[in-house]
Amino acid sequence: MKVGDLVQKRRGRIDPFQQGTTGLVVDVDGIPGCEFIVVLYPNKATSLKRGVQYKAAEFDVINDLETMQ
């Protein structure tokens, strides 16, 4: 997973604002296999400085930057 990927949460606890919503990955932290990502949702006001980290394994990539170019 990379910054700029569009993702949807598929596993783990899914909050109502995440259901059927595509989010944008704005930060990736950790090592491959144990990554954490910060996701920005269009219908959820969040601060990028204090963004919530999610386990990357709970998300599926819908569209990444390489396939869009």
N, C-alpha and C. Protein backbone atom coordinates (compact mmCIF):
# COMPACT_ATOMS: atom_id res chain seq x y z
N MET A 1 0.84 -1.17 0.00
CA MET A 1 0.00 0.00 0.00
C MET A 1 0.89 1.24 0.00
N LYS A 2 0.44 2.25 -0.77
CA LYS A 2 1.23 3.47 -0.89
C LYS A 2 0.35 4.69 -0.65
N VAL A 3 0.98 5.81 -0.34
CA VAL A 3 0.26 7.07 -0.21
C VAL A 3 -0.40 7.37 -1.56
N GLY A 4 -1.66 7.73 -1.52
CA GLY A 4 -2.41 8.04 -2.74
C GLY A 4 -3.33 6.92 -3.19
N ASP A 5 -3.19 5.73 -2.62
CA ASP A 5 -4.07 4.62 -2.97
C ASP A 5 -5.48 4.87 -2.45
N LEU A 6 -6.46 4.45 -3.22
CA LEU A 6 -7.86 4.47 -2.77
C LEU A 6 -8.16 3.11 -2.16
N VAL A 7 -8.74 3.10 -0.96
CA VAL A 7 -8.95 1.85 -0.23
C VAL A 7 -10.36 1.80 0.35
N GLN A 8 -10.81 0.56 0.62
CA GLN A 8 -12.06 0.33 1.34
C GLN A 8 -11.78 -0.65 2.47
N LYS A 9 -12.37 -0.39 3.62
CA LYS A 9 -12.19 -1.27 4.78
C LYS A 9 -13.05 -2.50 4.58
N ARG A 10 -12.44 -3.67 4.68
CA ARG A 10 -13.13 -4.95 4.44
C ARG A 10 -13.14 -5.87 5.65
N ARG A 11 -12.20 -5.67 6.59
CA ARG A 11 -12.08 -6.57 7.73
C ARG A 11 -11.97 -5.76 9.02
N GLY A 12 -12.16 -6.43 10.14
CA GLY A 12 -12.07 -5.76 11.42
C GLY A 12 -13.35 -4.98 11.72
N ARG A 13 -13.27 -4.10 12.69
CA ARG A 13 -14.43 -3.28 13.06
C ARG A 13 -14.66 -2.20 11.99
N ILE A 14 -15.85 -2.19 11.43
CA ILE A 14 -16.19 -1.21 10.40
C ILE A 14 -17.23 -0.25 10.98
N ASP A 15 -16.82 1.01 11.12
CA ASP A 15 -17.72 2.04 11.63
C ASP A 15 -18.71 2.46 10.54
N PRO A 16 -19.85 3.03 10.92
CA PRO A 16 -20.86 3.42 9.93
C PRO A 16 -20.33 4.33 8.82
N PHE A 17 -19.43 5.27 9.15
CA PHE A 17 -18.92 6.17 8.11
C PHE A 17 -17.97 5.46 7.13
N GLN A 18 -17.54 4.23 7.46
CA GLN A 18 -16.62 3.48 6.59
C GLN A 18 -17.37 2.52 5.66
N GLN A 19 -18.62 2.25 5.93
CA GLN A 19 -19.38 1.27 5.15
C GLN A 19 -19.60 1.77 3.73
N GLY A 20 -19.08 1.02 2.76
CA GLY A 20 -19.26 1.35 1.36
C GLY A 20 -18.57 2.64 0.92
N THR A 21 -17.64 3.15 1.74
CA THR A 21 -16.97 4.41 1.44
C THR A 21 -15.52 4.16 1.05
N THR A 22 -15.06 4.85 0.03
CA THR A 22 -13.67 4.76 -0.37
C THR A 22 -12.89 5.85 0.32
N GLY A 23 -11.73 5.49 0.87
CA GLY A 23 -10.87 6.45 1.55
C GLY A 23 -9.55 6.60 0.81
N LEU A 24 -8.81 7.63 1.15
CA LEU A 24 -7.53 7.93 0.54
C LEU A 24 -6.42 7.73 1.56
N VAL A 25 -5.41 6.93 1.20
CA VAL A 25 -4.27 6.71 2.09
C VAL A 25 -3.39 7.96 2.06
N VAL A 26 -3.18 8.57 3.24
CA VAL A 26 -2.37 9.78 3.32
C VAL A 26 -1.05 9.57 4.06
N ASP A 27 -0.87 8.40 4.69
CA ASP A 27 0.39 8.10 5.37
C ASP A 27 0.52 6.61 5.55
N VAL A 28 1.74 6.10 5.42
CA VAL A 28 2.03 4.67 5.63
C VAL A 28 3.18 4.59 6.62
N ASP A 29 3.03 3.73 7.63
CA ASP A 29 4.06 3.59 8.67
C ASP A 29 4.25 2.11 8.96
N GLY A 30 5.44 1.74 9.33
CA GLY A 30 5.72 0.35 9.69
C GLY A 30 6.52 -0.35 8.62
N ILE A 31 6.66 -1.66 8.80
CA ILE A 31 7.41 -2.48 7.85
C ILE A 31 6.42 -3.33 7.07
N PRO A 32 6.79 -3.77 5.85
CA PRO A 32 5.87 -4.61 5.08
C PRO A 32 5.44 -5.84 5.89
N GLY A 33 4.15 -6.11 5.85
CA GLY A 33 3.59 -7.21 6.63
C GLY A 33 3.04 -6.75 7.96
N CYS A 34 3.46 -5.59 8.41
CA CYS A 34 2.99 -5.02 9.68
C CYS A 34 2.82 -3.51 9.51
N GLU A 35 2.12 -3.13 8.43
CA GLU A 35 1.96 -1.72 8.11
C GLU A 35 0.74 -1.12 8.80
N PHE A 36 0.85 0.14 9.10
CA PHE A 36 -0.28 0.93 9.57
C PHE A 36 -0.46 2.08 8.59
N ILE A 37 -1.71 2.43 8.32
CA ILE A 37 -2.00 3.50 7.37
C ILE A 37 -2.93 4.52 8.01
N VAL A 38 -2.85 5.75 7.52
CA VAL A 38 -3.80 6.80 7.90
C VAL A 38 -4.67 7.02 6.68
N VAL A 39 -5.99 6.92 6.88
CA VAL A 39 -6.95 7.02 5.78
C VAL A 39 -7.81 8.26 5.99
N LEU A 40 -7.98 9.03 4.92
CA LEU A 40 -8.82 10.21 4.94
C LEU A 40 -10.13 9.88 4.23
N TYR A 41 -11.26 10.08 4.91
CA TYR A 41 -12.57 9.82 4.34
C TYR A 41 -13.25 11.14 3.99
N PRO A 42 -13.98 11.18 2.86
CA PRO A 42 -14.63 12.43 2.45
C PRO A 42 -15.76 12.87 3.38
N ASN A 43 -16.38 11.94 4.09
CA ASN A 43 -17.52 12.27 4.94
C ASN A 43 -17.16 12.29 6.42
N LYS A 44 -15.89 12.36 6.73
CA LYS A 44 -15.43 12.34 8.12
C LYS A 44 -14.37 13.42 8.31
N ALA A 45 -14.66 14.40 9.16
CA ALA A 45 -13.70 15.48 9.42
C ALA A 45 -12.60 14.96 10.33
N THR A 46 -11.38 14.93 9.83
CA THR A 46 -10.24 14.48 10.63
C THR A 46 -9.08 15.43 10.41
N SER A 47 -8.19 15.45 11.35
CA SER A 47 -6.97 16.23 11.23
C SER A 47 -5.85 15.30 10.77
N LEU A 48 -5.16 15.67 9.70
CA LEU A 48 -4.06 14.83 9.22
C LEU A 48 -2.94 14.74 10.25
N LYS A 49 -2.79 15.78 11.05
CA LYS A 49 -1.74 15.78 12.06
C LYS A 49 -2.02 14.73 13.14
N ARG A 50 -3.29 14.53 13.47
CA ARG A 50 -3.66 13.58 14.51
C ARG A 50 -4.49 12.44 13.93
N GLY A 51 -4.21 12.05 12.72
CA GLY A 51 -4.99 11.01 12.05
C GLY A 51 -4.95 9.68 12.78
N VAL A 52 -5.98 8.91 12.60
CA VAL A 52 -6.09 7.60 13.22
C VAL A 52 -5.39 6.58 12.33
N GLN A 53 -4.57 5.75 12.94
CA GLN A 53 -3.90 4.70 12.20
C GLN A 53 -4.73 3.43 12.21
N TYR A 54 -4.78 2.78 11.08
CA TYR A 54 -5.47 1.50 10.93
C TYR A 54 -4.47 0.46 10.47
N LYS A 55 -4.76 -0.80 10.73
CA LYS A 55 -3.94 -1.88 10.20
C LYS A 55 -4.20 -1.97 8.69
N ALA A 56 -3.14 -1.97 7.92
CA ALA A 56 -3.27 -2.02 6.46
C ALA A 56 -3.95 -3.31 6.01
N ALA A 57 -3.78 -4.39 6.76
CA ALA A 57 -4.36 -5.68 6.39
C ALA A 57 -5.89 -5.67 6.41
N GLU A 58 -6.49 -4.67 7.05
CA GLU A 58 -7.95 -4.59 7.12
C GLU A 58 -8.56 -3.90 5.90
N PHE A 59 -7.71 -3.43 4.98
CA PHE A 59 -8.17 -2.69 3.81
C PHE A 59 -7.82 -3.39 2.52
N ASP A 60 -8.64 -3.17 1.49
CA ASP A 60 -8.35 -3.60 0.14
C ASP A 60 -8.10 -2.37 -0.71
N VAL A 61 -7.08 -2.43 -1.57
CA VAL A 61 -6.78 -1.33 -2.48
C VAL A 61 -7.78 -1.39 -3.63
N ILE A 62 -8.48 -0.29 -3.86
CA ILE A 62 -9.46 -0.21 -4.94
C ILE A 62 -8.80 0.26 -6.23
N ASN A 63 -7.94 1.27 -6.11
CA ASN A 63 -7.25 1.82 -7.27
C ASN A 63 -5.97 2.46 -6.77
N ASP A 64 -4.84 2.13 -7.38
CA ASP A 64 -3.60 2.75 -6.94
C ASP A 64 -3.09 3.71 -8.01
N LEU A 65 -2.13 4.53 -7.63
CA LEU A 65 -1.62 5.58 -8.54
C LEU A 65 -1.01 5.01 -9.80
N GLU A 66 -0.36 3.86 -9.73
CA GLU A 66 0.31 3.32 -10.91
C GLU A 66 -0.68 2.91 -12.00
N THR A 67 -1.86 2.41 -11.63
CA THR A 67 -2.83 2.01 -12.63
C THR A 67 -3.60 3.20 -13.19
N MET A 68 -3.55 4.34 -12.50
CA MET A 68 -4.27 5.53 -12.97
C MET A 68 -3.47 6.32 -13.99
N GLN A 69 -2.16 6.10 -14.09
CA GLN A 69 -1.32 6.89 -14.99
C GLN A 69 -1.21 6.26 -16.34
